[in-house]
C-alpha atoms as a PDB file:
ATOM      1  CA  PRO A   1      -0.041   0.013  -0.014  1.00  0.00           C
ATOM      2  CA  VAL A   2       2.846   2.502  -1.115  1.00  0.00           C
ATOM      3  CA  ALA A   3       3.573   4.516  -4.218  1.00  0.00           C
ATOM      4  CA  LEU A   4       5.782   2.968  -6.559  1.00  0.00           C
ATOM      5  CA  THR A   5       9.165   4.345  -7.456  1.00  0.00           C
ATOM      6  CA  GLU A   6      10.466   3.599 -10.761  1.00  0.00           C
ATOM      7  CA  ASP A   7      13.038   1.071  -8.838  1.00  0.00           C
ATOM      8  CA  HIS A   8       9.915  -0.691  -7.610  1.00  0.00           C
ATOM      9  CA  LYS A   9       8.592  -1.007 -10.866  1.00  0.00           C
ATOM     10  CA  GLN A  10      11.567  -2.365 -12.406  1.00  0.00           C
ATOM     11  CA  ARG A  11      12.028  -4.940  -9.705  1.00  0.00           C
ATOM     12  CA  LEU A  12       8.707  -6.061 -10.321  1.00  0.00           C
ATOM     13  CA  ARG A  13       9.295  -6.046 -14.117  1.00  0.00           C
ATOM     14  CA  GLU A  14      12.349  -8.333 -13.460  1.00  0.00           C
ATOM     15  CA  ARG A  15      10.424 -10.823 -11.170  1.00  0.00           C
ATOM     16  CA  MET A  16       7.164 -10.893 -13.519  1.00  0.00           C
ATOM     17  CA  ALA A  17       9.648 -11.984 -16.520  1.00  0.00           C
ATOM     18  CA  GLY A  18       9.771 -15.337 -14.827  1.00  0.00           C
ATOM     19  CA  GLY A  19       6.062 -15.971 -15.811  1.00  0.00           C
ATOM     20  CA  VAL A  20       3.230 -17.201 -13.538  1.00  0.00           C
ATOM     21  CA  PHE A  21       3.926 -20.966 -13.223  1.00  0.00           C
ATOM     22  CA  VAL A  22       7.652 -21.459 -12.169  1.00  0.00           C
ATOM     23  CA  SER A  23       8.881 -25.273 -12.581  1.00  0.00           C
ATOM     24  CA  GLU A  24      11.705 -26.393 -10.200  1.00  0.00           C
ATOM     25  CA  HIS A  25      12.433 -29.499 -12.196  1.00  0.00           C
ATOM     26  CA  GLN A  26      15.710 -28.233 -12.679  1.00  0.00           C
ATOM     27  CA  GLY A  27      16.661 -27.238  -9.118  1.00  0.00           C
ATOM     28  CA  ARG A  28      15.061 -24.720  -6.603  1.00  0.00           C
ATOM     29  CA  VAL A  29      14.332 -21.295  -8.064  1.00  0.00           C
ATOM     30  CA  PRO A  30      15.292 -18.517  -5.750  1.00  0.00           C
ATOM     31  CA  LYS A  31      11.976 -16.464  -4.805  1.00  0.00           C
ATOM     32  CA  ALA A  32      13.768 -12.977  -6.158  1.00  0.00           C
ATOM     33  CA  ASN A  33      13.742 -14.365  -9.563  1.00  0.00           C
ATOM     34  CA  TYR A  34       9.840 -14.550 -10.015  1.00  0.00           C
ATOM     35  CA  LEU A  35       6.573 -13.178  -8.421  1.00  0.00           C
ATOM     36  CA  ALA A  36       4.810 -15.688  -6.226  1.00  0.00           C
ATOM     37  CA  GLY A  37       1.533 -13.945  -6.074  1.00  0.00           C
ATOM     38  CA  LEU A  38       1.011 -14.391  -9.529  1.00  0.00           C
ATOM     39  CA  SER A  39       0.721 -18.208  -9.157  1.00  0.00           C
ATOM     40  CA  GLY A  40      -0.698 -18.159  -5.768  1.00  0.00           C
ATOM     41  CA  ASP A  41      -3.569 -15.875  -6.911  1.00  0.00           C
ATOM     42  CA  ARG A  42      -4.391 -17.893  -9.974  1.00  0.00           C
ATOM     43  CA  LEU A  43      -4.605 -21.022  -7.870  1.00  0.00           C
ATOM     44  CA  ALA A  44      -6.710 -19.462  -5.408  1.00  0.00           C
ATOM     45  CA  ALA A  45      -8.922 -17.893  -7.895  1.00  0.00           C
ATOM     46  CA  ALA A  46      -9.647 -21.224  -9.830  1.00  0.00           C
ATOM     47  CA  LYS A  47     -12.362 -22.315  -7.698  1.00  0.00           C
ATOM     48  CA  HIS A  48     -14.291 -19.094  -8.260  1.00  0.00           C
ATOM     49  CA  VAL A  49     -13.914 -19.314 -12.142  1.00  0.00           C
ATOM     50  CA  GLU A  50     -15.195 -22.715 -11.718  1.00  0.00           C
ATOM     51  CA  ILE A  51     -18.506 -21.573  -9.664  1.00  0.00           C
ATOM     52  CA  ILE A  52     -18.948 -18.590 -11.953  1.00  0.00           C
ATOM     53  CA  SER A  53     -18.563 -20.211 -15.110  1.00  0.00           C
ATOM     54  CA  SER A  54     -20.874 -23.491 -13.867  1.00  0.00           C
ATOM     55  CA  LEU A  55     -23.827 -20.903 -13.194  1.00  0.00           C
ATOM     56  CA  VAL A  56     -23.440 -18.088 -15.477  1.00  0.00           C
ATOM     57  CA  GLU A  57     -23.623 -18.637 -19.394  1.00  0.00           C
ATOM     58  CA  LEU A  58     -20.504 -16.811 -20.636  1.00  0.00           C
ATOM     59  CA  ARG A  59     -20.375 -15.445 -24.114  1.00  0.00           C
ATOM     60  CA  ARG A  60     -17.792 -12.921 -24.515  1.00  0.00           C
ATOM     61  CA  PRO A  61     -18.562 -11.115 -21.619  1.00  0.00           C
ATOM     62  CA  ARG A  62     -17.547  -7.536 -20.587  1.00  0.00           C
ATOM     63  CA  VAL A  63     -16.303  -8.515 -16.459  1.00  0.00           C
ATOM     64  CA  LEU A  64     -15.096  -5.994 -14.185  1.00  0.00           C
ATOM     65  CA  GLU A  65     -13.380  -7.160 -10.889  1.00  0.00           C
ATOM     66  CA  LEU A  66     -13.480  -4.913  -7.760  1.00  0.00           C
ATOM     67  CA  ARG A  67     -10.368  -5.118  -5.619  1.00  0.00           C
ATOM     68  CA  SER A  68      -8.718  -7.202  -7.989  1.00  0.00           C
ATOM     69  CA  LYS A  69      -5.337  -8.359  -6.454  1.00  0.00           C
ATOM     70  CA  LEU A  70      -3.654 -10.015  -9.761  1.00  0.00           C
ATOM     71  CA  ALA A  71      -6.118 -10.705 -12.034  1.00  0.00           C
ATOM     72  CA  GLY A  72      -6.521 -14.259 -10.879  1.00  0.00           C
ATOM     73  CA  ILE A  73     -10.171 -14.433 -11.856  1.00  0.00           C
ATOM     74  CA  LEU A  74      -9.920 -12.045 -15.192  1.00  0.00           C
ATOM     75  CA  GLU A  75      -7.215 -13.798 -16.835  1.00  0.00           C
ATOM     76  CA  PRO A  76      -8.612 -17.526 -16.948  1.00  0.00           C
ATOM     77  CA  LEU A  77     -12.424 -15.633 -18.031  1.00  0.00           C
ATOM     78  CA  ARG A  78     -10.489 -13.952 -20.797  1.00  0.00           C
ATOM     79  CA  ARG A  79      -8.606 -17.240 -21.970  1.00  0.00           C
ATOM     80  CA  LEU A  80     -11.586 -19.545 -21.695  1.00  0.00           C
ATOM     81  CA  TYR A  81     -14.302 -17.377 -22.591  1.00  0.00           C
ATOM     82  CA  ASP A  82     -12.966 -14.516 -24.605  1.00  0.00           C
ATOM     83  CA  ALA A  83     -14.004 -12.124 -21.825  1.00  0.00           C
ATOM     84  CA  SER A  84     -13.119  -8.313 -21.822  1.00  0.00           C
ATOM     85  CA  PRO A  85     -11.547  -7.868 -18.519  1.00  0.00           C
ATOM     86  CA  PHE A  86     -11.401  -4.461 -16.502  1.00  0.00           C
ATOM     87  CA  ALA A  87     -10.087  -4.023 -12.978  1.00  0.00           C
ATOM     88  CA  MET A  88     -10.194  -1.688 -10.018  1.00  0.00           C
ATOM     89  CA  PRO A  89      -7.584  -2.916  -7.642  1.00  0.00           C
ATOM     90  CA  LEU A  90      -6.872  -1.370  -3.963  1.00  0.00           C
ATOM     91  CA  PHE A  91      -3.179  -0.772  -4.292  1.00  0.00           C
ATOM     92  CA  GLU A  92      -1.080   0.898  -6.941  1.00  0.00           C
ATOM     93  CA  THR A  93       1.455  -2.186  -6.840  1.00  0.00           C
ATOM     94  CA  HIS A  94      -1.595  -4.482  -7.669  1.00  0.00           C
ATOM     95  CA  GLN A  95      -2.523  -1.916 -10.541  1.00  0.00           C
ATOM     96  CA  PHE A  96       0.822  -1.968 -11.977  1.00  0.00           C
ATOM     97  CA  VAL A  97       1.096  -5.828 -12.089  1.00  0.00           C
ATOM     98  CA  ILE A  98      -2.355  -5.988 -13.698  1.00  0.00           C
ATOM     99  CA  GLU A  99      -1.751  -3.565 -16.472  1.00  0.00           C
ATOM    100  CA  GLU A 100       1.970  -4.542 -16.774  1.00  0.00           C
ATOM    101  CA  PHE A 101       2.007  -8.317 -17.037  1.00  0.00           C
ATOM    102  CA  TYR A 102      -1.614  -9.213 -18.125  1.00  0.00           C
ATOM    103  CA  LYS A 103      -2.500  -5.833 -20.101  1.00  0.00           C
ATOM    104  CA  ILE A 104      -5.643  -5.568 -18.453  1.00  0.00           C
ATOM    105  CA  PRO A 105      -7.077  -2.081 -17.873  1.00  0.00           C
ATOM    106  CA  ALA A 106      -6.819  -1.120 -14.138  1.00  0.00           C
ATOM    107  CA  THR A 107      -6.888   2.594 -14.937  1.00  0.00           C
ATOM    108  CA  HIS A 108      -8.864   3.205 -11.590  1.00  0.00           C
ATOM    109  CA  LEU A 109      -8.382   2.302  -7.861  1.00  0.00           C
ATOM    110  CA  LEU A 110     -11.175   1.345  -5.662  1.00  0.00           C
ATOM    111  CA  ASP A 111     -12.482   3.789  -2.983  1.00  0.00           C
ATOM    112  CA  TYR A 112     -14.618   2.255  -0.563  1.00  0.00           C
ATOM    113  CA  ASP A 113     -15.617   5.930   1.031  1.00  0.00           C
ATOM    114  CA  HIS A 114     -16.704   7.324  -2.339  1.00  0.00           C
ATOM    115  CA  PHE A 115     -17.405   4.207  -4.260  1.00  0.00           C
ATOM    116  CA  THR A 116     -17.774   4.820  -7.759  1.00  0.00           C
ATOM    117  CA  ILE A 117     -17.302   2.714 -10.851  1.00  0.00           C
ATOM    118  CA  PRO A 118     -15.704   5.102 -13.610  1.00  0.00           C
ATOM    119  CA  TYR A 119     -15.539   2.576 -16.437  1.00  0.00           C
ATOM    120  CA  GLU A 120     -17.578   3.672 -19.566  1.00  0.00           C
ATOM    121  CA  GLY A 121     -20.426   1.209 -20.148  1.00  0.00           C
ATOM    122  CA  GLN A 122     -22.180  -1.768 -18.481  1.00  0.00           C
ATOM    123  CA  PHE A 123     -20.658  -5.014 -17.483  1.00  0.00           C
ATOM    124  CA  ASP A 124     -22.137  -8.649 -17.970  1.00  0.00           C
ATOM    125  CA  LEU A 125     -20.547  -9.712 -14.472  1.00  0.00           C
ATOM    126  CA  VAL A 126     -19.039  -7.594 -11.728  1.00  0.00           C
ATOM    127  CA  VAL A 127     -16.651  -9.733  -9.292  1.00  0.00           C
ATOM    128  CA  GLY A 128     -15.909  -8.202  -5.796  1.00  0.00           C
ATOM    129  CA  ASN A 129     -13.214  -9.384  -3.571  1.00  0.00           C
ATOM    130  CA  HIS A 130     -14.138  -8.798  -0.033  1.00  0.00           C
ATOM    131  CA  ILE A 131     -16.020  -5.737  -0.902  1.00  0.00           C
ATOM    132  CA  LEU A 132     -19.325  -6.108   1.007  1.00  0.00           C
ATOM    133  CA  THR A 133     -17.471  -6.410   4.555  1.00  0.00           C
ATOM    134  CA  HIS A 134     -15.759  -3.181   3.931  1.00  0.00           C
ATOM    135  CA  ALA A 135     -18.454  -1.392   2.509  1.00  0.00           C
ATOM    136  CA  VAL A 136     -19.220   2.122   4.201  1.00  0.00           C
ATOM    137  CA  ARG A 137     -22.530   2.452   2.736  1.00  0.00           C
ATOM    138  CA  PRO A 138     -23.407  -1.126   1.393  1.00  0.00           C
ATOM    139  CA  ILE A 139     -27.229  -0.285  -0.402  1.00  0.00           C
ATOM    140  CA  GLU A 140     -25.360   2.724  -2.089  1.00  0.00           C
ATOM    141  CA  LEU A 141     -22.648   0.151  -3.270  1.00  0.00           C
ATOM    142  CA  LEU A 142     -24.822  -2.272  -4.303  1.00  0.00           C
ATOM    143  CA  LYS A 143     -26.890   0.594  -6.164  1.00  0.00           C
ATOM    144  CA  VAL A 144     -23.619   1.580  -8.192  1.00  0.00           C
ATOM    145  CA  ILE A 145     -22.853  -2.051  -9.220  1.00  0.00           C
ATOM    146  CA  LYS A 146     -26.437  -2.660 -10.376  1.00  0.00           C
ATOM    147  CA  ASP A 147     -26.519   0.601 -12.377  1.00  0.00           C
ATOM    148  CA  LYS A 148     -23.293  -0.716 -14.168  1.00  0.00           C
ATOM    149  CA  LEU A 149     -24.457  -4.573 -14.768  1.00  0.00           C
ATOM    150  CA  THR A 150     -26.509  -5.115 -17.802  1.00  0.00           C
ATOM    151  CA  PRO A 151     -30.253  -6.349 -17.390  1.00  0.00           C
ATOM    152  CA  GLY A 152     -29.930 -10.030 -16.142  1.00  0.00           C
ATOM    153  CA  GLY A 153     -26.183  -9.421 -15.451  1.00  0.00           C
ATOM    154  CA  HIS A 154     -24.487 -11.163 -12.455  1.00  0.00           C
ATOM    155  CA  VAL A 155     -22.516 -10.047  -9.546  1.00  0.00           C
ATOM    156  CA  TYR A 156     -20.343 -12.574  -7.738  1.00  0.00           C
ATOM    157  CA  PHE A 157     -18.839 -11.458  -4.066  1.00  0.00           C
ATOM    158  CA  TYR A 158     -16.279 -13.469  -2.240  1.00  0.00           C
ATOM    159  CA  ASN A 159     -14.299 -13.546   0.935  1.00  0.00           C
ATOM    160  CA  GLU A 160     -17.095 -11.962   2.614  1.00  0.00           C
ATOM    161  CA  ALA A 161     -17.061 -11.835   6.452  1.00  0.00           C
ATOM    162  CA  ASN A 162     -19.225 -14.695   7.892  1.00  0.00           C
ATOM    163  CA  GLU A 163     -20.385 -14.175  11.654  1.00  0.00           C
ATOM    164  CA  ALA A 164     -20.264 -17.994  12.333  1.00  0.00           C
ATOM    165  CA  ASP A 165     -16.583 -17.525  12.361  1.00  0.00           C
ATOM    166  CA  PHE A 166     -16.500 -15.751  15.852  1.00  0.00           C
ATOM    167  CA  LEU A 167     -20.209 -16.707  17.047  1.00  0.00           C
ATOM    168  CA  GLY A 168     -19.918 -20.558  16.242  1.00  0.00           C
ATOM    169  CA  LEU A 169     -16.205 -21.169  16.074  1.00  0.00           C
ATOM    170  CA  GLY A 170     -15.228 -19.187  19.097  1.00  0.00           C
ATOM    171  CA  THR A 171     -12.399 -17.139  17.321  1.00  0.00           C
ATOM    172  CA  SER A 172     -12.014 -13.527  18.189  1.00  0.00           C
ATOM    173  CA  MET A 173     -15.024 -10.879  17.575  1.00  0.00           C
ATOM    174  CA  ILE A 174     -12.358  -8.135  18.066  1.00  0.00           C
ATOM    175  CA  ASN A 175      -9.990  -9.580  15.163  1.00  0.00           C
ATOM    176  CA  ASN A 176     -12.805 -10.094  12.962  1.00  0.00           C
ATOM    177  CA  LEU A 177     -14.768  -6.815  13.413  1.00  0.00           C
ATOM    178  CA  ASN A 178     -11.668  -4.750  13.239  1.00  0.00           C
ATOM    179  CA  ALA A 179     -11.844  -0.983  12.386  1.00  0.00           C
ATOM    180  CA  PHE A 180     -12.022  -1.831   8.662  1.00  0.00           C
ATOM    181  CA  HIS A 181     -14.648  -4.382   8.712  1.00  0.00           C
ATOM    182  CA  LEU A 182     -17.892  -2.854   8.958  1.00  0.00           C
ATOM    183  CA  GLN A 183     -20.153  -5.461   7.767  1.00  0.00           C
ATOM    184  CA  VAL A 184     -20.588  -9.167   8.739  1.00  0.00           C
ATOM    185  CA  PHE A 185     -23.276 -11.425   7.602  1.00  0.00           C
ATOM    186  CA  ASP A 186     -24.977 -15.047   7.643  1.00  0.00           C
ATOM    187  CA  ALA A 187     -26.146 -16.492   4.387  1.00  0.00           C
ATOM    188  CA  PRO A 188     -30.038 -15.129   5.580  1.00  0.00           C
ATOM    189  CA  SER A 189     -28.824 -11.769   5.699  1.00  0.00           C
ATOM    190  CA  ILE A 190     -26.417 -11.576   2.800  1.00  0.00           C
ATOM    191  CA  ALA A 191     -29.490 -12.823   0.850  1.00  0.00           C
ATOM    192  CA  ARG A 192     -31.777 -10.247   2.160  1.00  0.00           C
ATOM    193  CA  MET A 193     -29.593  -7.446   1.366  1.00  0.00           C
ATOM    194  CA  LEU A 194     -29.108  -8.443  -1.999  1.00  0.00           C
ATOM    195  CA  VAL A 195     -32.653  -8.716  -2.692  1.00  0.00           C
ATOM    196  CA  ALA A 196     -33.396  -5.394  -1.249  1.00  0.00           C
ATOM    197  CA  ALA A 197     -30.914  -3.777  -3.613  1.00  0.00           C
ATOM    198  CA  GLY A 198     -32.846  -5.358  -6.589  1.00  0.00           C
ATOM    199  CA  PHE A 199     -30.783  -8.840  -7.033  1.00  0.00           C
ATOM    200  CA  GLU A 200     -32.004 -12.295  -7.203  1.00  0.00           C
ATOM    201  CA  PRO A 201     -29.503 -14.747  -5.199  1.00  0.00           C
ATOM    202  CA  VAL A 202     -28.305 -17.893  -7.413  1.00  0.00           C
ATOM    203  CA  LEU A 203     -25.982 -19.036  -4.792  1.00  0.00           C
ATOM    204  CA  VAL A 204     -25.034 -18.193  -1.336  1.00  0.00           C
ATOM    205  CA  ALA A 205     -22.422 -20.735   0.027  1.00  0.00           C
ATOM    206  CA  ARG A 206     -19.877 -20.996   2.744  1.00  0.00           C
ATOM    207  CA  ASP A 207     -16.185 -20.967   1.578  1.00  0.00           C
ATOM    208  CA  HIS A 208     -14.380 -22.145   4.935  1.00  0.00           C
ATOM    209  CA  LEU A 209     -14.496 -19.314   7.258  1.00  0.00           C
ATOM    210  CA  ASN A 210     -15.920 -16.986   4.598  1.00  0.00           C
ATOM    211  CA  LEU A 211     -19.003 -16.408   2.440  1.00  0.00           C
ATOM    212  CA  LEU A 212     -19.697 -16.098  -1.474  1.00  0.00           C
ATOM    213  CA  VAL A 213     -22.585 -15.175  -3.165  1.00  0.00           C
ATOM    214  CA  LEU A 214     -23.728 -15.112  -6.808  1.00  0.00           C
ATOM    215  CA  ALA A 215     -26.732 -12.873  -7.794  1.00  0.00           C
ATOM    216  CA  ARG A 216     -28.444 -11.766 -11.095  1.00  0.00           C
ATOM    217  CA  ASN A 217     -29.506  -8.244 -11.616  1.00  0.00           C
ATOM    218  CA  VAL A 218     -33.399  -8.262 -11.855  1.00  0.00           C
ATOM    219  CA  GLU A 219     -34.707  -5.686 -14.181  1.00  0.00           C
ATOM    220  CA  ASN A 220     -37.905  -5.014 -12.100  1.00  0.00           C
ATOM    221  CA  PRO A 221     -37.795  -6.336  -8.561  1.00  0.00           C
END
């Protein structure tokens, strides 16, 4: 979460040159020679690509990911479904890597307090990584997303805080509800919020200690 210097950018370019998946069949590769986050993000995103592609008919979709880390969802959707991807990362480092390595537009950084989607036009799919948990005004945030979705388009949120983490498992409520985690949900409450904002839930599921949800944009809720 810092402004990048030209030296930082050059070091990132050198590490990105190693590619996404680095083989060690000829010996151990020093971590300074590649960017481990690229492969980690792709592997973590694979399950979300599977869920989305199983439940949504993807025909060259226009896709936006909010709080994209390293385009782990966007790149597979482009490769497999000829998607037109756009990203709104949180940090300049992620912005630089997404644009430099994947050539995916990441012109705008995410602002939770003054949430907007400055890209022109509408999207068939909006993906949000840990978005609702940090939302300052969740219904306003969902309205902005709805206005940017095509009729019948879908929104997919993942890594959302699940209250069962501390109510059922006995983990620390203070750690979960920290100064930046403004919202917490269970499956019924996150579904009710989406319905109130004009979406039809398609899937609400637990993902380890978090929640994920897929919902469709309803024209006349």
